[in-house]
Amino acid sequence: MVETLAGCMFEDIQYADIQVEAAVGRGTFGVVFKAVWKGKDVAIKTIESDNERNAFLVELRQLSRVNHSNIVKLYGFCDNPVSI
């Protein structure tokens, strides 16, 4: 479960609403998948263990505060499985 982060604007997305297509990469804090959500091509990043939860929350907080054409747009998060 992801706790509410003060001052952060993003949507609570139901994982069932996402059509996951394929894994495209693996990083330090999880796996990235290509997916479709509300008719848009999106990237979904999932964490693989509870040890990655704090890094996930930091990334969620940082992405929720920026809006720039050179930075990936955060649409929201899922809490089961934990994903952005």
N, C-alpha and C. Protein backbone atom coordinates (compact mmCIF):
# COMPACT_ATOMS: atom_id res chain seq x y z
N MET A 1 0.85 -1.18 0.00
CA MET A 1 0.00 0.00 0.00
C MET A 1 0.89 1.24 0.00
N VAL A 2 0.61 2.19 -0.85
CA VAL A 2 1.38 3.43 -0.92
C VAL A 2 0.70 4.48 -0.06
N GLU A 3 1.46 5.09 0.84
CA GLU A 3 0.89 6.10 1.70
C GLU A 3 0.64 7.40 0.93
N THR A 4 -0.26 8.22 1.41
CA THR A 4 -0.55 9.51 0.79
C THR A 4 0.64 10.44 0.99
N LEU A 5 1.04 11.10 -0.06
CA LEU A 5 2.17 12.01 0.01
C LEU A 5 1.65 13.44 -0.08
N ALA A 6 1.89 14.23 0.94
CA ALA A 6 1.38 15.60 0.99
C ALA A 6 1.89 16.42 -0.18
N GLY A 7 0.97 17.13 -0.83
CA GLY A 7 1.36 18.03 -1.91
C GLY A 7 1.60 17.35 -3.25
N CYS A 8 1.36 16.06 -3.36
CA CYS A 8 1.61 15.33 -4.60
C CYS A 8 0.30 15.09 -5.34
N MET A 9 0.29 15.42 -6.63
CA MET A 9 -0.92 15.29 -7.44
C MET A 9 -0.74 14.17 -8.46
N PHE A 10 -1.47 13.07 -8.29
CA PHE A 10 -1.46 11.97 -9.22
C PHE A 10 -2.68 11.11 -8.96
N GLU A 11 -2.98 10.23 -9.88
CA GLU A 11 -4.19 9.42 -9.82
C GLU A 11 -3.91 8.05 -9.22
N ASP A 12 -4.85 7.53 -8.46
CA ASP A 12 -4.80 6.15 -7.96
C ASP A 12 -5.38 5.28 -9.06
N ILE A 13 -4.52 4.53 -9.76
CA ILE A 13 -4.91 3.76 -10.94
C ILE A 13 -5.13 2.30 -10.55
N GLN A 14 -6.18 1.71 -11.08
CA GLN A 14 -6.43 0.29 -10.87
C GLN A 14 -5.61 -0.51 -11.88
N TYR A 15 -4.84 -1.47 -11.42
CA TYR A 15 -3.97 -2.25 -12.30
C TYR A 15 -4.78 -2.97 -13.38
N ALA A 16 -6.02 -3.33 -13.07
CA ALA A 16 -6.88 -4.01 -14.05
C ALA A 16 -7.19 -3.12 -15.25
N ASP A 17 -7.05 -1.81 -15.11
CA ASP A 17 -7.30 -0.87 -16.20
C ASP A 17 -6.12 -0.73 -17.15
N ILE A 18 -5.01 -1.40 -16.85
CA ILE A 18 -3.78 -1.30 -17.64
C ILE A 18 -3.60 -2.58 -18.44
N GLN A 19 -3.29 -2.43 -19.74
CA GLN A 19 -2.98 -3.58 -20.58
C GLN A 19 -1.46 -3.67 -20.71
N VAL A 20 -0.85 -4.53 -19.93
CA VAL A 20 0.60 -4.69 -19.95
C VAL A 20 0.99 -5.52 -21.16
N GLU A 21 1.97 -5.02 -21.94
CA GLU A 21 2.35 -5.69 -23.17
C GLU A 21 3.67 -6.45 -23.06
N ALA A 22 4.74 -5.82 -22.63
CA ALA A 22 6.03 -6.50 -22.60
C ALA A 22 7.00 -5.78 -21.68
N ALA A 23 7.92 -6.53 -21.08
CA ALA A 23 9.00 -5.92 -20.29
C ALA A 23 9.98 -5.27 -21.25
N VAL A 24 10.41 -4.05 -20.93
CA VAL A 24 11.36 -3.34 -21.80
C VAL A 24 12.67 -3.03 -21.10
N GLY A 25 12.74 -3.22 -19.80
CA GLY A 25 13.98 -2.95 -19.09
C GLY A 25 13.89 -3.27 -17.63
N ARG A 26 15.07 -3.36 -17.03
CA ARG A 26 15.18 -3.62 -15.60
C ARG A 26 16.20 -2.66 -15.03
N GLY A 27 15.85 -2.02 -13.94
CA GLY A 27 16.75 -1.07 -13.31
C GLY A 27 17.03 -1.43 -11.88
N THR A 28 17.64 -0.51 -11.17
CA THR A 28 17.99 -0.74 -9.78
C THR A 28 16.75 -0.94 -8.91
N PHE A 29 15.68 -0.22 -9.23
CA PHE A 29 14.49 -0.24 -8.38
C PHE A 29 13.29 -0.93 -9.00
N GLY A 30 13.46 -1.76 -10.01
CA GLY A 30 12.31 -2.47 -10.54
C GLY A 30 12.40 -2.78 -12.01
N VAL A 31 11.25 -3.21 -12.55
CA VAL A 31 11.13 -3.61 -13.95
C VAL A 31 10.18 -2.63 -14.64
N VAL A 32 10.52 -2.25 -15.89
CA VAL A 32 9.69 -1.34 -16.67
C VAL A 32 9.02 -2.14 -17.78
N PHE A 33 7.71 -1.93 -17.93
CA PHE A 33 6.91 -2.60 -18.95
C PHE A 33 6.29 -1.58 -19.89
N LYS A 34 6.13 -1.96 -21.14
CA LYS A 34 5.33 -1.19 -22.08
C LYS A 34 3.89 -1.59 -21.82
N ALA A 35 2.97 -0.59 -21.85
CA ALA A 35 1.57 -0.88 -21.56
C ALA A 35 0.68 0.16 -22.24
N VAL A 36 -0.64 -0.08 -22.15
CA VAL A 36 -1.63 0.87 -22.65
C VAL A 36 -2.59 1.16 -21.50
N TRP A 37 -2.86 2.44 -21.28
CA TRP A 37 -3.79 2.87 -20.24
C TRP A 37 -4.63 4.00 -20.81
N LYS A 38 -5.94 3.84 -20.77
CA LYS A 38 -6.88 4.84 -21.32
C LYS A 38 -6.52 5.21 -22.76
N GLY A 39 -6.11 4.22 -23.54
CA GLY A 39 -5.79 4.44 -24.94
C GLY A 39 -4.43 5.07 -25.20
N LYS A 40 -3.64 5.31 -24.15
CA LYS A 40 -2.31 5.92 -24.29
C LYS A 40 -1.23 4.86 -24.09
N ASP A 41 -0.16 4.97 -24.89
CA ASP A 41 1.02 4.14 -24.64
C ASP A 41 1.71 4.71 -23.41
N VAL A 42 1.98 3.84 -22.45
CA VAL A 42 2.62 4.26 -21.20
C VAL A 42 3.70 3.26 -20.81
N ALA A 43 4.55 3.67 -19.90
CA ALA A 43 5.53 2.79 -19.27
C ALA A 43 5.08 2.56 -17.84
N ILE A 44 5.15 1.32 -17.41
CA ILE A 44 4.77 0.95 -16.05
C ILE A 44 6.03 0.46 -15.35
N LYS A 45 6.35 1.05 -14.22
CA LYS A 45 7.51 0.60 -13.43
C LYS A 45 6.99 -0.08 -12.17
N THR A 46 7.42 -1.31 -11.94
CA THR A 46 7.00 -2.05 -10.76
C THR A 46 8.21 -2.35 -9.88
N ILE A 47 7.97 -2.39 -8.59
CA ILE A 47 9.05 -2.77 -7.68
C ILE A 47 8.97 -4.27 -7.46
N GLU A 48 10.11 -4.87 -7.16
CA GLU A 48 10.16 -6.32 -7.01
C GLU A 48 10.20 -6.78 -5.56
N SER A 49 10.50 -5.88 -4.63
CA SER A 49 10.56 -6.29 -3.22
C SER A 49 10.23 -5.11 -2.32
N ASP A 50 9.92 -5.41 -1.08
CA ASP A 50 9.62 -4.35 -0.11
C ASP A 50 10.84 -3.49 0.18
N ASN A 51 12.04 -4.01 -0.07
CA ASN A 51 13.25 -3.23 0.14
C ASN A 51 13.32 -2.02 -0.80
N GLU A 52 12.63 -2.09 -1.93
CA GLU A 52 12.64 -1.01 -2.91
C GLU A 52 11.56 0.03 -2.65
N ARG A 53 10.74 -0.20 -1.65
CA ARG A 53 9.59 0.68 -1.38
C ARG A 53 9.99 2.13 -1.11
N ASN A 54 11.02 2.36 -0.30
CA ASN A 54 11.42 3.74 0.01
C ASN A 54 11.90 4.47 -1.23
N ALA A 55 12.70 3.80 -2.07
CA ALA A 55 13.16 4.41 -3.33
C ALA A 55 11.98 4.70 -4.24
N PHE A 56 11.00 3.80 -4.25
CA PHE A 56 9.78 4.00 -5.04
C PHE A 56 9.04 5.25 -4.57
N LEU A 57 8.89 5.42 -3.27
CA LEU A 57 8.18 6.57 -2.73
C LEU A 57 8.90 7.88 -3.05
N VAL A 58 10.23 7.86 -3.02
CA VAL A 58 11.02 9.05 -3.38
C VAL A 58 10.78 9.39 -4.84
N GLU A 59 10.84 8.39 -5.72
CA GLU A 59 10.62 8.63 -7.15
C GLU A 59 9.20 9.13 -7.41
N LEU A 60 8.23 8.55 -6.75
CA LEU A 60 6.84 8.98 -6.88
C LEU A 60 6.70 10.44 -6.48
N ARG A 61 7.29 10.82 -5.36
CA ARG A 61 7.23 12.20 -4.87
C ARG A 61 7.90 13.16 -5.86
N GLN A 62 9.08 12.78 -6.37
CA GLN A 62 9.81 13.66 -7.29
C GLN A 62 9.06 13.83 -8.62
N LEU A 63 8.60 12.73 -9.20
CA LEU A 63 7.91 12.81 -10.48
C LEU A 63 6.59 13.56 -10.38
N SER A 64 5.95 13.50 -9.23
CA SER A 64 4.65 14.17 -9.08
C SER A 64 4.79 15.69 -9.04
N ARG A 65 6.00 16.18 -8.82
CA ARG A 65 6.21 17.62 -8.68
C ARG A 65 6.75 18.29 -9.94
N VAL A 66 7.05 17.52 -10.98
CA VAL A 66 7.65 18.11 -12.18
C VAL A 66 6.73 17.95 -13.39
N ASN A 67 6.83 18.90 -14.30
CA ASN A 67 6.10 18.85 -15.56
C ASN A 67 6.99 19.48 -16.61
N HIS A 68 7.69 18.64 -17.37
CA HIS A 68 8.63 19.12 -18.37
C HIS A 68 8.66 18.14 -19.53
N SER A 69 8.84 18.64 -20.74
CA SER A 69 8.81 17.79 -21.93
C SER A 69 9.95 16.77 -21.96
N ASN A 70 11.02 16.99 -21.22
CA ASN A 70 12.15 16.07 -21.21
C ASN A 70 12.13 15.08 -20.04
N ILE A 71 11.06 15.10 -19.25
CA ILE A 71 10.93 14.21 -18.10
C ILE A 71 9.66 13.39 -18.26
N VAL A 72 9.75 12.10 -17.98
CA VAL A 72 8.61 11.21 -18.09
C VAL A 72 7.46 11.74 -17.25
N LYS A 73 6.26 11.78 -17.82
CA LYS A 73 5.08 12.28 -17.11
C LYS A 73 4.52 11.18 -16.20
N LEU A 74 4.24 11.55 -14.97
CA LEU A 74 3.62 10.64 -14.02
C LEU A 74 2.11 10.81 -14.11
N TYR A 75 1.40 9.76 -14.48
CA TYR A 75 -0.06 9.79 -14.51
C TYR A 75 -0.64 9.35 -13.18
N GLY A 76 0.01 8.40 -12.53
CA GLY A 76 -0.51 7.91 -11.26
C GLY A 76 0.24 6.69 -10.79
N PHE A 77 -0.35 6.00 -9.83
CA PHE A 77 0.29 4.81 -9.26
C PHE A 77 -0.77 3.74 -8.98
N CYS A 78 -0.30 2.52 -8.86
CA CYS A 78 -1.12 1.38 -8.44
C CYS A 78 -0.54 0.89 -7.12
N ASP A 79 -1.40 0.42 -6.25
CA ASP A 79 -0.88 -0.10 -5.00
C ASP A 79 -0.86 -1.63 -4.96
N ASN A 80 -1.43 -2.29 -5.97
CA ASN A 80 -1.38 -3.75 -6.00
C ASN A 80 -1.38 -4.25 -7.44
N PRO A 81 -0.23 -4.58 -8.00
CA PRO A 81 1.11 -4.47 -7.43
C PRO A 81 1.56 -3.02 -7.41
N VAL A 82 2.50 -2.72 -6.52
CA VAL A 82 3.01 -1.36 -6.39
C VAL A 82 3.71 -0.98 -7.70
N SER A 83 3.19 0.05 -8.38
CA SER A 83 3.69 0.46 -9.69
C SER A 83 3.45 1.95 -9.91
N ILE A 84 4.29 2.54 -10.79
CA ILE A 84 4.05 3.91 -11.25
C ILE A 84 4.05 3.91 -12.77
